[in-house]
Amino acid sequence: MNAATASLRQPAEARQAEMVQAVLALAAQQEPASITTTDIAKAIGLSQGAVFRHFPSKQAIWLNVAQWLEATLLPLIQTAATSSPDPLESLGNIFRAHLQFVQENPGVPRFIFHELQQPADSPVKQQVAGMLQGYSGILIRVLQQAKAQGQVLPELDERSAATLFIGSIQGLVMQSMLAGFPALQPLIAGVLALYLRAICKDMSE
């Protein structure tokens, strides 16, 4: 790529990133299904025609949002997963990192729930489902490490435990959404402790 092409592409990539953030900001305030390209254009100070110069369709914008989520959230989770030699501590770090990400990006859970509820198996839904599958894979590896170190029940099914982990986070997020996104911090420790108690081996035996 020559310098001229790079200089033309840079603003386009920056505009696309702006649109992603605009969608998530709007999703924090309204149902994702109700967000229009006019809303997105207005949020970043462009005309609707300018939006379509960067993306051929609204579906393409949504796919870009889903790709941003995977590229942003999964590395965050992977970093937390390798943050400690103690797998249980790493699980706690994943739990807190994910919820901190949600607090900083309140439009994310609305976007994810909206896409997963769609009956059609669209590219956007596939992207979101793939991200959750990757997330589950990270959790399974950490749980396998915990089992190898004798920290969790020997009969623990790691896939079920990973599903329960993600479900616990989703439950907290849903409660927070219903209450208008208050601070999640007071609830995190209690829910995490209950989860760990459910999967951990009783070391007093």
N, C-alpha and C. Protein backbone atom coordinates (compact mmCIF):
# COMPACT_ATOMS: atom_id res chain seq x y z
N MET A 1 0.85 -1.19 0.00
CA MET A 1 0.00 0.00 0.00
C MET A 1 0.88 1.24 0.00
N ASN A 2 0.65 2.17 -0.97
CA ASN A 2 1.47 3.38 -1.00
C ASN A 2 0.92 4.41 -0.01
N ALA A 3 1.67 5.50 0.17
CA ALA A 3 1.31 6.51 1.17
C ALA A 3 -0.02 7.17 0.85
N ALA A 4 -0.29 7.40 -0.47
CA ALA A 4 -1.53 8.06 -0.86
C ALA A 4 -2.74 7.20 -0.51
N THR A 5 -2.64 5.88 -0.79
CA THR A 5 -3.74 4.96 -0.46
C THR A 5 -3.95 4.91 1.03
N ALA A 6 -2.85 4.87 1.78
CA ALA A 6 -2.94 4.80 3.24
C ALA A 6 -3.62 6.04 3.80
N SER A 7 -3.30 7.21 3.23
CA SER A 7 -3.88 8.45 3.74
C SER A 7 -5.38 8.52 3.47
N LEU A 8 -5.81 7.89 2.35
CA LEU A 8 -7.23 7.85 2.04
C LEU A 8 -7.97 6.84 2.91
N ARG A 9 -7.28 5.74 3.23
CA ARG A 9 -7.92 4.67 3.98
C ARG A 9 -8.04 5.01 5.46
N GLN A 10 -7.09 5.74 5.98
CA GLN A 10 -7.10 6.05 7.41
C GLN A 10 -8.39 6.75 7.85
N PRO A 11 -8.82 7.81 7.17
CA PRO A 11 -10.07 8.45 7.59
C PRO A 11 -11.27 7.52 7.46
N ALA A 12 -11.28 6.66 6.45
CA ALA A 12 -12.40 5.73 6.27
C ALA A 12 -12.46 4.77 7.44
N GLU A 13 -11.31 4.25 7.87
CA GLU A 13 -11.28 3.33 9.00
C GLU A 13 -11.69 4.05 10.28
N ALA A 14 -11.27 5.30 10.40
CA ALA A 14 -11.65 6.08 11.58
C ALA A 14 -13.15 6.33 11.60
N ARG A 15 -13.74 6.62 10.44
CA ARG A 15 -15.18 6.84 10.36
C ARG A 15 -15.94 5.55 10.70
N GLN A 16 -15.46 4.43 10.20
CA GLN A 16 -16.10 3.16 10.50
C GLN A 16 -16.06 2.87 11.99
N ALA A 17 -14.94 3.17 12.62
CA ALA A 17 -14.82 2.99 14.07
C ALA A 17 -15.78 3.91 14.82
N GLU A 18 -15.93 5.12 14.31
CA GLU A 18 -16.90 6.06 14.91
C GLU A 18 -18.32 5.50 14.83
N MET A 19 -18.64 4.89 13.71
CA MET A 19 -19.99 4.35 13.54
C MET A 19 -20.24 3.19 14.49
N VAL A 20 -19.24 2.36 14.68
CA VAL A 20 -19.35 1.25 15.64
C VAL A 20 -19.67 1.79 17.02
N GLN A 21 -18.91 2.80 17.45
CA GLN A 21 -19.13 3.37 18.77
C GLN A 21 -20.49 4.08 18.85
N ALA A 22 -20.92 4.67 17.74
CA ALA A 22 -22.23 5.33 17.72
C ALA A 22 -23.35 4.31 17.91
N VAL A 23 -23.24 3.16 17.23
CA VAL A 23 -24.25 2.11 17.37
C VAL A 23 -24.33 1.65 18.82
N LEU A 24 -23.18 1.42 19.46
CA LEU A 24 -23.17 0.95 20.84
C LEU A 24 -23.69 2.02 21.80
N ALA A 25 -23.37 3.27 21.52
CA ALA A 25 -23.89 4.36 22.36
C ALA A 25 -25.41 4.46 22.23
N LEU A 26 -25.91 4.33 21.02
CA LEU A 26 -27.36 4.37 20.79
C LEU A 26 -28.04 3.15 21.41
N ALA A 27 -27.38 1.98 21.33
CA ALA A 27 -27.96 0.76 21.89
C ALA A 27 -28.08 0.83 23.40
N ALA A 28 -27.27 1.66 24.03
CA ALA A 28 -27.37 1.83 25.49
C ALA A 28 -28.62 2.61 25.87
N GLN A 29 -29.20 3.32 24.90
CA GLN A 29 -30.35 4.19 25.17
C GLN A 29 -31.66 3.69 24.57
N GLN A 30 -31.58 2.80 23.57
CA GLN A 30 -32.80 2.36 22.89
C GLN A 30 -32.59 0.95 22.36
N GLU A 31 -33.69 0.33 21.94
CA GLU A 31 -33.61 -1.01 21.38
C GLU A 31 -32.78 -0.99 20.10
N PRO A 32 -31.82 -1.92 19.96
CA PRO A 32 -31.01 -1.94 18.73
C PRO A 32 -31.84 -2.02 17.45
N ALA A 33 -32.99 -2.71 17.52
CA ALA A 33 -33.82 -2.84 16.32
C ALA A 33 -34.35 -1.50 15.83
N SER A 34 -34.46 -0.54 16.73
CA SER A 34 -35.01 0.77 16.37
C SER A 34 -33.95 1.74 15.86
N ILE A 35 -32.68 1.35 15.92
CA ILE A 35 -31.61 2.25 15.47
C ILE A 35 -31.58 2.27 13.94
N THR A 36 -31.61 3.46 13.37
CA THR A 36 -31.59 3.60 11.92
C THR A 36 -30.25 4.18 11.46
N THR A 37 -30.00 4.09 10.18
CA THR A 37 -28.78 4.71 9.65
C THR A 37 -28.84 6.22 9.80
N THR A 38 -30.04 6.78 9.81
CA THR A 38 -30.19 8.22 10.05
C THR A 38 -29.73 8.56 11.46
N ASP A 39 -30.10 7.72 12.43
CA ASP A 39 -29.65 7.91 13.82
C ASP A 39 -28.13 7.88 13.91
N ILE A 40 -27.53 6.92 13.22
CA ILE A 40 -26.07 6.77 13.26
C ILE A 40 -25.40 7.99 12.63
N ALA A 41 -25.93 8.41 11.48
CA ALA A 41 -25.37 9.58 10.79
C ALA A 41 -25.44 10.82 11.68
N LYS A 42 -26.59 11.01 12.31
CA LYS A 42 -26.78 12.17 13.17
C LYS A 42 -25.82 12.14 14.36
N ALA A 43 -25.59 10.95 14.91
CA ALA A 43 -24.74 10.81 16.09
C ALA A 43 -23.30 11.21 15.82
N ILE A 44 -22.84 11.03 14.58
CA ILE A 44 -21.44 11.36 14.27
C ILE A 44 -21.31 12.54 13.32
N GLY A 45 -22.42 13.21 13.05
CA GLY A 45 -22.36 14.43 12.25
C GLY A 45 -22.13 14.21 10.77
N LEU A 46 -22.69 13.12 10.22
CA LEU A 46 -22.58 12.85 8.79
C LEU A 46 -23.97 12.81 8.17
N SER A 47 -24.01 12.86 6.86
CA SER A 47 -25.27 12.64 6.15
C SER A 47 -25.49 11.13 6.04
N GLN A 48 -26.74 10.74 5.79
CA GLN A 48 -27.03 9.32 5.62
C GLN A 48 -26.28 8.76 4.42
N GLY A 49 -26.15 9.58 3.37
CA GLY A 49 -25.40 9.14 2.19
C GLY A 49 -23.95 8.86 2.51
N ALA A 50 -23.37 9.67 3.41
CA ALA A 50 -21.98 9.46 3.80
C ALA A 50 -21.80 8.15 4.54
N VAL A 51 -22.81 7.77 5.34
CA VAL A 51 -22.76 6.49 6.05
C VAL A 51 -22.66 5.35 5.04
N PHE A 52 -23.46 5.43 3.97
CA PHE A 52 -23.46 4.35 2.98
C PHE A 52 -22.24 4.37 2.07
N ARG A 53 -21.45 5.42 2.15
CA ARG A 53 -20.17 5.39 1.43
C ARG A 53 -19.15 4.54 2.18
N HIS A 54 -19.37 4.36 3.48
CA HIS A 54 -18.46 3.55 4.29
C HIS A 54 -18.94 2.12 4.46
N PHE A 55 -20.26 1.93 4.46
CA PHE A 55 -20.85 0.60 4.59
C PHE A 55 -21.97 0.47 3.57
N PRO A 56 -22.05 -0.67 2.86
CA PRO A 56 -23.08 -0.81 1.83
C PRO A 56 -24.49 -0.98 2.37
N SER A 57 -24.62 -1.36 3.66
CA SER A 57 -25.94 -1.61 4.22
C SER A 57 -25.88 -1.50 5.75
N LYS A 58 -27.05 -1.41 6.34
CA LYS A 58 -27.13 -1.42 7.81
C LYS A 58 -26.60 -2.74 8.36
N GLN A 59 -26.87 -3.84 7.67
CA GLN A 59 -26.37 -5.15 8.09
C GLN A 59 -24.85 -5.17 8.14
N ALA A 60 -24.22 -4.48 7.21
CA ALA A 60 -22.75 -4.42 7.19
C ALA A 60 -22.23 -3.65 8.41
N ILE A 61 -22.95 -2.62 8.81
CA ILE A 61 -22.56 -1.87 10.01
C ILE A 61 -22.66 -2.77 11.22
N TRP A 62 -23.78 -3.50 11.33
CA TRP A 62 -23.99 -4.39 12.48
C TRP A 62 -22.90 -5.47 12.53
N LEU A 63 -22.52 -5.98 11.36
CA LEU A 63 -21.47 -7.00 11.33
C LEU A 63 -20.15 -6.41 11.82
N ASN A 64 -19.87 -5.17 11.45
CA ASN A 64 -18.66 -4.51 11.91
C ASN A 64 -18.67 -4.32 13.42
N VAL A 65 -19.84 -4.03 13.98
CA VAL A 65 -19.97 -3.92 15.43
C VAL A 65 -19.65 -5.26 16.09
N ALA A 66 -20.21 -6.34 15.54
CA ALA A 66 -19.96 -7.67 16.10
C ALA A 66 -18.48 -8.04 16.00
N GLN A 67 -17.85 -7.66 14.90
CA GLN A 67 -16.41 -7.94 14.74
C GLN A 67 -15.59 -7.14 15.74
N TRP A 68 -16.00 -5.91 15.99
CA TRP A 68 -15.30 -5.09 17.00
C TRP A 68 -15.43 -5.73 18.38
N LEU A 69 -16.61 -6.23 18.70
CA LEU A 69 -16.83 -6.87 19.99
C LEU A 69 -15.90 -8.06 20.17
N GLU A 70 -15.82 -8.90 19.17
CA GLU A 70 -14.94 -10.08 19.28
C GLU A 70 -13.48 -9.66 19.41
N ALA A 71 -13.07 -8.67 18.62
CA ALA A 71 -11.68 -8.22 18.63
C ALA A 71 -11.31 -7.49 19.92
N THR A 72 -12.31 -7.00 20.64
CA THR A 72 -12.06 -6.25 21.87
C THR A 72 -12.27 -7.09 23.11
N LEU A 73 -13.38 -7.82 23.17
CA LEU A 73 -13.70 -8.57 24.39
C LEU A 73 -12.86 -9.83 24.55
N LEU A 74 -12.67 -10.61 23.50
CA LEU A 74 -11.94 -11.87 23.66
C LEU A 74 -10.50 -11.68 24.12
N PRO A 75 -9.74 -10.73 23.58
CA PRO A 75 -8.39 -10.51 24.12
C PRO A 75 -8.41 -10.10 25.59
N LEU A 76 -9.42 -9.34 25.98
CA LEU A 76 -9.55 -8.94 27.38
C LEU A 76 -9.76 -10.17 28.26
N ILE A 77 -10.61 -11.07 27.80
CA ILE A 77 -10.88 -12.30 28.55
C ILE A 77 -9.66 -13.20 28.56
N GLN A 78 -8.96 -13.30 27.45
CA GLN A 78 -7.76 -14.14 27.37
C GLN A 78 -6.67 -13.62 28.31
N THR A 79 -6.51 -12.30 28.38
CA THR A 79 -5.53 -11.71 29.29
C THR A 79 -5.86 -12.05 30.74
N ALA A 80 -7.15 -11.93 31.08
CA ALA A 80 -7.58 -12.25 32.45
C ALA A 80 -7.39 -13.74 32.74
N ALA A 81 -7.58 -14.58 31.71
CA ALA A 81 -7.46 -16.03 31.89
C ALA A 81 -6.03 -16.46 32.21
N THR A 82 -5.07 -15.66 31.79
CA THR A 82 -3.65 -16.00 32.02
C THR A 82 -3.02 -15.05 33.04
N SER A 83 -3.85 -14.38 33.82
CA SER A 83 -3.34 -13.35 34.74
C SER A 83 -2.77 -13.91 36.03
N SER A 84 -3.02 -15.18 36.30
CA SER A 84 -2.55 -15.77 37.56
C SER A 84 -2.22 -17.24 37.37
N PRO A 85 -1.24 -17.76 38.11
CA PRO A 85 -0.99 -19.21 38.06
C PRO A 85 -2.10 -20.01 38.74
N ASP A 86 -2.95 -19.32 39.51
CA ASP A 86 -4.08 -19.96 40.19
C ASP A 86 -5.31 -19.85 39.29
N PRO A 87 -5.79 -20.98 38.74
CA PRO A 87 -6.93 -20.92 37.81
C PRO A 87 -8.19 -20.29 38.43
N LEU A 88 -8.43 -20.53 39.71
CA LEU A 88 -9.62 -19.95 40.34
C LEU A 88 -9.50 -18.43 40.42
N GLU A 89 -8.31 -17.94 40.67
CA GLU A 89 -8.10 -16.49 40.67
C GLU A 89 -8.30 -15.93 39.27
N SER A 90 -7.84 -16.67 38.28
CA SER A 90 -8.04 -16.24 36.89
C SER A 90 -9.53 -16.18 36.54
N LEU A 91 -10.31 -17.16 37.03
CA LEU A 91 -11.75 -17.12 36.79
C LEU A 91 -12.37 -15.86 37.38
N GLY A 92 -11.93 -15.51 38.59
CA GLY A 92 -12.43 -14.28 39.21
C GLY A 92 -12.04 -13.06 38.41
N ASN A 93 -10.83 -13.07 37.88
CA ASN A 93 -10.38 -11.93 37.07
C ASN A 93 -11.16 -11.82 35.77
N ILE A 94 -11.51 -12.96 35.17
CA ILE A 94 -12.34 -12.95 33.96
C ILE A 94 -13.72 -12.36 34.29
N PHE A 95 -14.29 -12.83 35.37
CA PHE A 95 -15.62 -12.38 35.80
C PHE A 95 -15.66 -10.87 35.96
N ARG A 96 -14.67 -10.35 36.69
CA ARG A 96 -14.62 -8.91 36.96
C ARG A 96 -14.30 -8.11 35.70
N ALA A 97 -13.40 -8.64 34.86
CA ALA A 97 -13.02 -7.92 33.63
C ALA A 97 -14.20 -7.80 32.68
N HIS A 98 -14.98 -8.88 32.56
CA HIS A 98 -16.14 -8.85 31.67
C HIS A 98 -17.17 -7.82 32.15
N LEU A 99 -17.45 -7.83 33.45
CA LEU A 99 -18.45 -6.90 33.98
C LEU A 99 -17.96 -5.46 33.93
N GLN A 100 -16.67 -5.25 34.09
CA GLN A 100 -16.12 -3.90 33.93
C GLN A 100 -16.28 -3.42 32.50
N PHE A 101 -16.07 -4.33 31.55
CA PHE A 101 -16.25 -4.01 30.13
C PHE A 101 -17.70 -3.62 29.85
N VAL A 102 -18.64 -4.33 30.47
CA VAL A 102 -20.06 -4.02 30.28
C VAL A 102 -20.40 -2.65 30.88
N GLN A 103 -19.84 -2.37 32.05
CA GLN A 103 -20.10 -1.07 32.66
C GLN A 103 -19.57 0.07 31.80
N GLU A 104 -18.45 -0.17 31.14
CA GLU A 104 -17.87 0.86 30.27
C GLU A 104 -18.57 0.92 28.92
N ASN A 105 -19.24 -0.16 28.53
CA ASN A 105 -19.91 -0.24 27.22
C ASN A 105 -21.32 -0.80 27.41
N PRO A 106 -22.24 -0.03 28.01
CA PRO A 106 -23.56 -0.56 28.34
C PRO A 106 -24.41 -0.94 27.13
N GLY A 107 -24.04 -0.49 25.95
CA GLY A 107 -24.79 -0.89 24.76
C GLY A 107 -24.47 -2.30 24.30
N VAL A 108 -23.35 -2.85 24.78
CA VAL A 108 -22.91 -4.18 24.32
C VAL A 108 -23.92 -5.28 24.64
N PRO A 109 -24.37 -5.42 25.90
CA PRO A 109 -25.31 -6.52 26.16
C PRO A 109 -26.62 -6.38 25.40
N ARG A 110 -27.11 -5.16 25.22
CA ARG A 110 -28.33 -4.98 24.43
C ARG A 110 -28.11 -5.46 23.00
N PHE A 111 -26.96 -5.13 22.43
CA PHE A 111 -26.65 -5.54 21.07
C PHE A 111 -26.57 -7.06 20.97
N ILE A 112 -25.87 -7.69 21.93
CA ILE A 112 -25.69 -9.14 21.90
C ILE A 112 -27.03 -9.85 22.06
N PHE A 113 -27.82 -9.45 23.06
CA PHE A 113 -29.11 -10.10 23.28
C PHE A 113 -30.02 -9.94 22.07
N HIS A 114 -29.99 -8.76 21.47
CA HIS A 114 -30.83 -8.52 20.29
C HIS A 114 -30.47 -9.48 19.16
N GLU A 115 -29.19 -9.62 18.90
CA GLU A 115 -28.77 -10.47 17.77
C GLU A 115 -29.05 -11.94 18.04
N LEU A 116 -28.83 -12.40 19.26
CA LEU A 116 -29.05 -13.81 19.56
C LEU A 116 -30.53 -14.18 19.52
N GLN A 117 -31.41 -13.21 19.66
CA GLN A 117 -32.85 -13.45 19.62
C GLN A 117 -33.40 -13.51 18.20
N GLN A 118 -32.60 -13.14 17.22
CA GLN A 118 -33.09 -13.11 15.85
C GLN A 118 -33.31 -14.53 15.32
N PRO A 119 -34.46 -14.78 14.67
CA PRO A 119 -34.73 -16.14 14.18
C PRO A 119 -33.82 -16.55 13.02
N ALA A 120 -33.44 -15.60 12.21
CA ALA A 120 -32.60 -15.91 11.04
C ALA A 120 -31.13 -16.06 11.46
N ASP A 121 -30.45 -16.99 10.80
CA ASP A 121 -29.04 -17.24 11.10
C ASP A 121 -28.19 -16.32 10.23
N SER A 122 -28.19 -15.03 10.58
CA SER A 122 -27.51 -14.01 9.77
C SER A 122 -26.00 -14.03 10.05
N PRO A 123 -25.20 -13.39 9.19
CA PRO A 123 -23.76 -13.27 9.45
C PRO A 123 -23.47 -12.59 10.79
N VAL A 124 -24.32 -11.63 11.18
CA VAL A 124 -24.10 -10.94 12.46
C VAL A 124 -24.33 -11.91 13.62
N LYS A 125 -25.43 -12.66 13.56
CA LYS A 125 -25.71 -13.63 14.61
C LYS A 125 -24.62 -14.69 14.67
N GLN A 126 -24.13 -15.13 13.54
CA GLN A 126 -23.04 -16.12 13.50
C GLN A 126 -21.78 -15.55 14.13
N GLN A 127 -21.49 -14.28 13.88
CA GLN A 127 -20.31 -13.64 14.45
C GLN A 127 -20.41 -13.58 15.98
N VAL A 128 -21.59 -13.18 16.49
CA VAL A 128 -21.80 -13.10 17.93
C VAL A 128 -21.72 -14.49 18.56
N ALA A 129 -22.36 -15.47 17.93
CA ALA A 129 -22.32 -16.84 18.45
C ALA A 129 -20.89 -17.38 18.44
N GLY A 130 -20.13 -17.05 17.41
CA GLY A 130 -18.74 -17.49 17.34
C GLY A 130 -17.90 -16.88 18.45
N MET A 131 -18.17 -15.60 18.76
CA MET A 131 -17.47 -14.94 19.85
C MET A 131 -17.76 -15.64 21.18
N LEU A 132 -19.03 -15.97 21.43
CA LEU A 132 -19.41 -16.65 22.67
C LEU A 132 -18.81 -18.05 22.73
N GLN A 133 -18.69 -18.70 21.60
CA GLN A 133 -18.06 -20.02 21.56
C GLN A 133 -16.57 -19.90 21.90
N GLY A 134 -15.92 -18.86 21.38
CA GLY A 134 -14.52 -18.64 21.71
C GLY A 134 -14.33 -18.33 23.18
N TYR A 135 -15.25 -17.55 23.73
CA TYR A 135 -15.23 -17.21 25.15
C TYR A 135 -15.35 -18.50 25.98
N SER A 136 -16.32 -19.34 25.62
CA SER A 136 -16.52 -20.60 26.32
C SER A 136 -15.27 -21.47 26.27
N GLY A 137 -14.58 -21.47 25.12
CA GLY A 137 -13.36 -22.24 24.98
C GLY A 137 -12.27 -21.79 25.94
N ILE A 138 -12.15 -20.47 26.13
CA ILE A 138 -11.17 -19.94 27.08
C ILE A 138 -11.51 -20.41 28.49
N LEU A 139 -12.79 -20.33 28.85
CA LEU A 139 -13.21 -20.76 30.18
C LEU A 139 -12.96 -22.25 30.40
N ILE A 140 -13.25 -23.04 29.40
CA ILE A 140 -13.04 -24.50 29.52
C ILE A 140 -11.58 -24.81 29.80
N ARG A 141 -10.68 -24.11 29.14
CA ARG A 141 -9.25 -24.37 29.37
C ARG A 141 -8.85 -24.00 30.81
N VAL A 142 -9.37 -22.89 31.31
CA VAL A 142 -9.06 -22.50 32.69
C VAL A 142 -9.64 -23.52 33.67
N LEU A 143 -10.85 -23.98 33.42
CA LEU A 143 -11.47 -24.98 34.28
C LEU A 143 -10.72 -26.31 34.23
N GLN A 144 -10.21 -26.66 33.08
CA GLN A 144 -9.39 -27.88 32.97
C GLN A 144 -8.11 -27.75 33.80
N GLN A 145 -7.53 -26.56 33.80
CA GLN A 145 -6.35 -26.33 34.63
C GLN A 145 -6.70 -26.46 36.11
N ALA A 146 -7.87 -25.91 36.49
CA ALA A 146 -8.31 -26.01 37.88
C ALA A 146 -8.53 -27.46 38.28
N LYS A 147 -9.09 -28.26 37.37
CA LYS A 147 -9.30 -29.67 37.66
C LYS A 147 -7.96 -30.41 37.78
N ALA A 148 -7.03 -30.09 36.92
CA ALA A 148 -5.71 -30.73 36.97
C ALA A 148 -5.00 -30.42 38.29
N GLN A 149 -5.28 -29.26 38.86
CA GLN A 149 -4.66 -28.87 40.13
C GLN A 149 -5.50 -29.29 41.34
N GLY A 150 -6.58 -30.03 41.10
CA GLY A 150 -7.40 -30.54 42.18
C GLY A 150 -8.22 -29.48 42.90
N GLN A 151 -8.52 -28.36 42.22
CA GLN A 151 -9.25 -27.27 42.86
C GLN A 151 -10.76 -27.39 42.71
N VAL A 152 -11.20 -28.11 41.71
CA VAL A 152 -12.64 -28.24 41.47
C VAL A 152 -13.05 -29.70 41.58
N LEU A 153 -14.35 -29.91 41.60
CA LEU A 153 -14.87 -31.27 41.71
C LEU A 153 -14.32 -32.15 40.58
N PRO A 154 -13.83 -33.34 40.90
CA PRO A 154 -13.25 -34.19 39.86
C PRO A 154 -14.25 -34.58 38.77
N GLU A 155 -15.54 -34.61 39.13
CA GLU A 155 -16.57 -34.98 38.15
C GLU A 155 -17.12 -33.77 37.41
N LEU A 156 -16.54 -32.59 37.63
CA LEU A 156 -17.05 -31.37 37.00
C LEU A 156 -17.04 -31.47 35.48
N ASP A 157 -18.17 -31.11 34.87
CA ASP A 157 -18.24 -31.01 33.41
C ASP A 157 -17.86 -29.58 33.03
N GLU A 158 -16.70 -29.40 32.40
CA GLU A 158 -16.18 -28.06 32.15
C GLU A 158 -17.08 -27.25 31.22
N ARG A 159 -17.69 -27.91 30.26
CA ARG A 159 -18.55 -27.17 29.34
C ARG A 159 -19.79 -26.62 30.06
N SER A 160 -20.38 -27.43 30.93
CA SER A 160 -21.52 -26.96 31.70
C SER A 160 -21.11 -25.84 32.65
N ALA A 161 -19.93 -25.99 33.26
CA ALA A 161 -19.44 -24.97 34.18
C ALA A 161 -19.17 -23.66 33.45
N ALA A 162 -18.68 -23.74 32.21
CA ALA A 162 -18.44 -22.54 31.42
C ALA A 162 -19.78 -21.87 31.07
N THR A 163 -20.79 -22.68 30.75
CA THR A 163 -22.12 -22.14 30.44
C THR A 163 -22.70 -21.44 31.67
N LEU A 164 -22.54 -22.04 32.85
CA LEU A 164 -23.03 -21.43 34.08
C LEU A 164 -22.30 -20.12 34.38
N PHE A 165 -21.00 -20.08 34.11
CA PHE A 165 -20.20 -18.88 34.32
C PHE A 165 -20.74 -17.72 33.48
N ILE A 166 -20.91 -17.97 32.18
CA ILE A 166 -21.41 -16.93 31.28
C ILE A 166 -22.85 -16.56 31.66
N GLY A 167 -23.64 -17.57 32.04
CA GLY A 167 -25.01 -17.30 32.43
C GLY A 167 -25.10 -16.44 33.69
N SER A 168 -24.15 -16.62 34.61
CA SER A 168 -24.13 -15.81 35.82
C SER A 168 -23.86 -14.34 35.48
N ILE A 169 -22.95 -14.13 34.55
CA ILE A 169 -22.66 -12.76 34.11
C ILE A 169 -23.88 -12.17 33.40
N GLN A 170 -24.50 -12.97 32.53
CA GLN A 170 -25.67 -12.47 31.80
C GLN A 170 -26.81 -12.13 32.77
N GLY A 171 -26.97 -12.94 33.82
CA GLY A 171 -28.00 -12.65 34.81
C GLY A 171 -27.75 -11.34 35.53
N LEU A 172 -26.50 -11.10 35.92
CA LEU A 172 -26.14 -9.83 36.55
C LEU A 172 -26.40 -8.66 35.62
N VAL A 173 -26.02 -8.83 34.36
CA VAL A 173 -26.20 -7.76 33.38
C VAL A 173 -27.69 -7.47 33.17
N MET A 174 -28.50 -8.54 33.09
CA MET A 174 -29.95 -8.34 32.90
C MET A 174 -30.54 -7.57 34.08
N GLN A 175 -30.14 -7.94 35.29
CA GLN A 175 -30.63 -7.23 36.48
C GLN A 175 -30.22 -5.76 36.43
N SER A 176 -28.99 -5.53 35.99
CA SER A 176 -28.49 -4.16 35.90
C SER A 176 -29.24 -3.37 34.85
N MET A 177 -29.54 -4.00 33.71
CA MET A 177 -30.29 -3.34 32.65
C MET A 177 -31.69 -2.97 33.12
N LEU A 178 -32.33 -3.86 33.87
CA LEU A 178 -33.67 -3.59 34.37
C LEU A 178 -33.69 -2.42 35.34
N ALA A 179 -32.57 -2.25 36.05
CA ALA A 179 -32.47 -1.16 37.03
C ALA A 179 -31.84 0.09 36.45
N GLY A 180 -31.62 0.10 35.13
CA GLY A 180 -31.04 1.28 34.49
C GLY A 180 -29.54 1.38 34.62
N PHE A 181 -28.86 0.24 34.64
CA PHE A 181 -27.41 0.16 34.72
C PHE A 181 -26.81 0.87 35.94
N PRO A 182 -27.25 0.46 37.15
CA PRO A 182 -26.54 0.95 38.34
C PRO A 182 -25.21 0.22 38.46
N ALA A 183 -24.39 0.57 39.44
CA ALA A 183 -23.09 -0.08 39.62
C ALA A 183 -23.29 -1.56 39.93
N LEU A 184 -22.56 -2.40 39.23
CA LEU A 184 -22.63 -3.84 39.44
C LEU A 184 -21.74 -4.30 40.60
N GLN A 185 -20.81 -3.46 40.98
CA GLN A 185 -19.77 -3.83 41.93
C GLN A 185 -20.30 -4.50 43.20
N PRO A 186 -21.37 -3.99 43.86
CA PRO A 186 -21.82 -4.61 45.09
C PRO A 186 -22.28 -6.07 44.94
N LEU A 187 -22.67 -6.46 43.72
CA LEU A 187 -23.21 -7.80 43.50
C LEU A 187 -22.17 -8.81 43.02
N ILE A 188 -21.07 -8.31 42.49
CA ILE A 188 -20.10 -9.18 41.82
C ILE A 188 -19.52 -10.21 42.78
N ALA A 189 -19.05 -9.78 43.94
CA ALA A 189 -18.38 -10.69 44.86
C ALA A 189 -19.30 -11.82 45.31
N GLY A 190 -20.56 -11.49 45.62
CA GLY A 190 -21.48 -12.52 46.09
C GLY A 190 -21.80 -13.56 45.04
N VAL A 191 -22.07 -13.12 43.80
CA VAL A 191 -22.40 -14.05 42.72
C VAL A 191 -21.18 -14.90 42.37
N LEU A 192 -20.01 -14.30 42.33
CA LEU A 192 -18.79 -15.06 42.03
C LEU A 192 -18.52 -16.10 43.11
N ALA A 193 -18.71 -15.73 44.37
CA ALA A 193 -18.50 -16.67 45.47
C ALA A 193 -19.45 -17.87 45.36
N LEU A 194 -20.71 -17.61 45.00
CA LEU A 194 -21.67 -18.70 44.83
C LEU A 194 -21.25 -19.62 43.69
N TYR A 195 -20.78 -19.05 42.61
CA TYR A 195 -20.34 -19.86 41.46
C TYR A 195 -19.16 -20.76 41.87
N LEU A 196 -18.17 -20.17 42.50
CA LEU A 196 -16.98 -20.94 42.88
C LEU A 196 -17.33 -22.03 43.90
N ARG A 197 -18.28 -21.73 44.80
CA ARG A 197 -18.70 -22.73 45.78
C ARG A 197 -19.37 -23.92 45.08
N ALA A 198 -20.06 -23.64 43.99
CA ALA A 198 -20.77 -24.69 43.26
C ALA A 198 -19.81 -25.64 42.54
N ILE A 199 -18.67 -25.13 42.09
CA ILE A 199 -17.78 -25.96 41.27
C ILE A 199 -16.56 -26.48 42.03
N CYS A 200 -16.28 -25.89 43.19
CA CYS A 200 -15.02 -26.21 43.87
C CYS A 200 -15.12 -27.43 44.76
N LYS A 201 -14.01 -28.12 44.86
CA LYS A 201 -13.87 -29.26 45.75
C LYS A 201 -13.79 -28.75 47.18
N ASP A 202 -14.43 -29.46 48.12
CA ASP A 202 -14.37 -29.10 49.53
C ASP A 202 -13.00 -29.51 50.07
N MET A 203 -12.14 -28.51 50.29
CA MET A 203 -10.76 -28.80 50.70
C MET A 203 -10.67 -29.28 52.15
N SER A 204 -11.80 -29.23 52.88
CA SER A 204 -11.78 -29.70 54.28
C SER A 204 -11.96 -31.21 54.38
N GLU A 205 -12.34 -31.82 53.25
CA GLU A 205 -12.58 -33.28 53.29
C GLU A 205 -11.26 -34.04 53.40
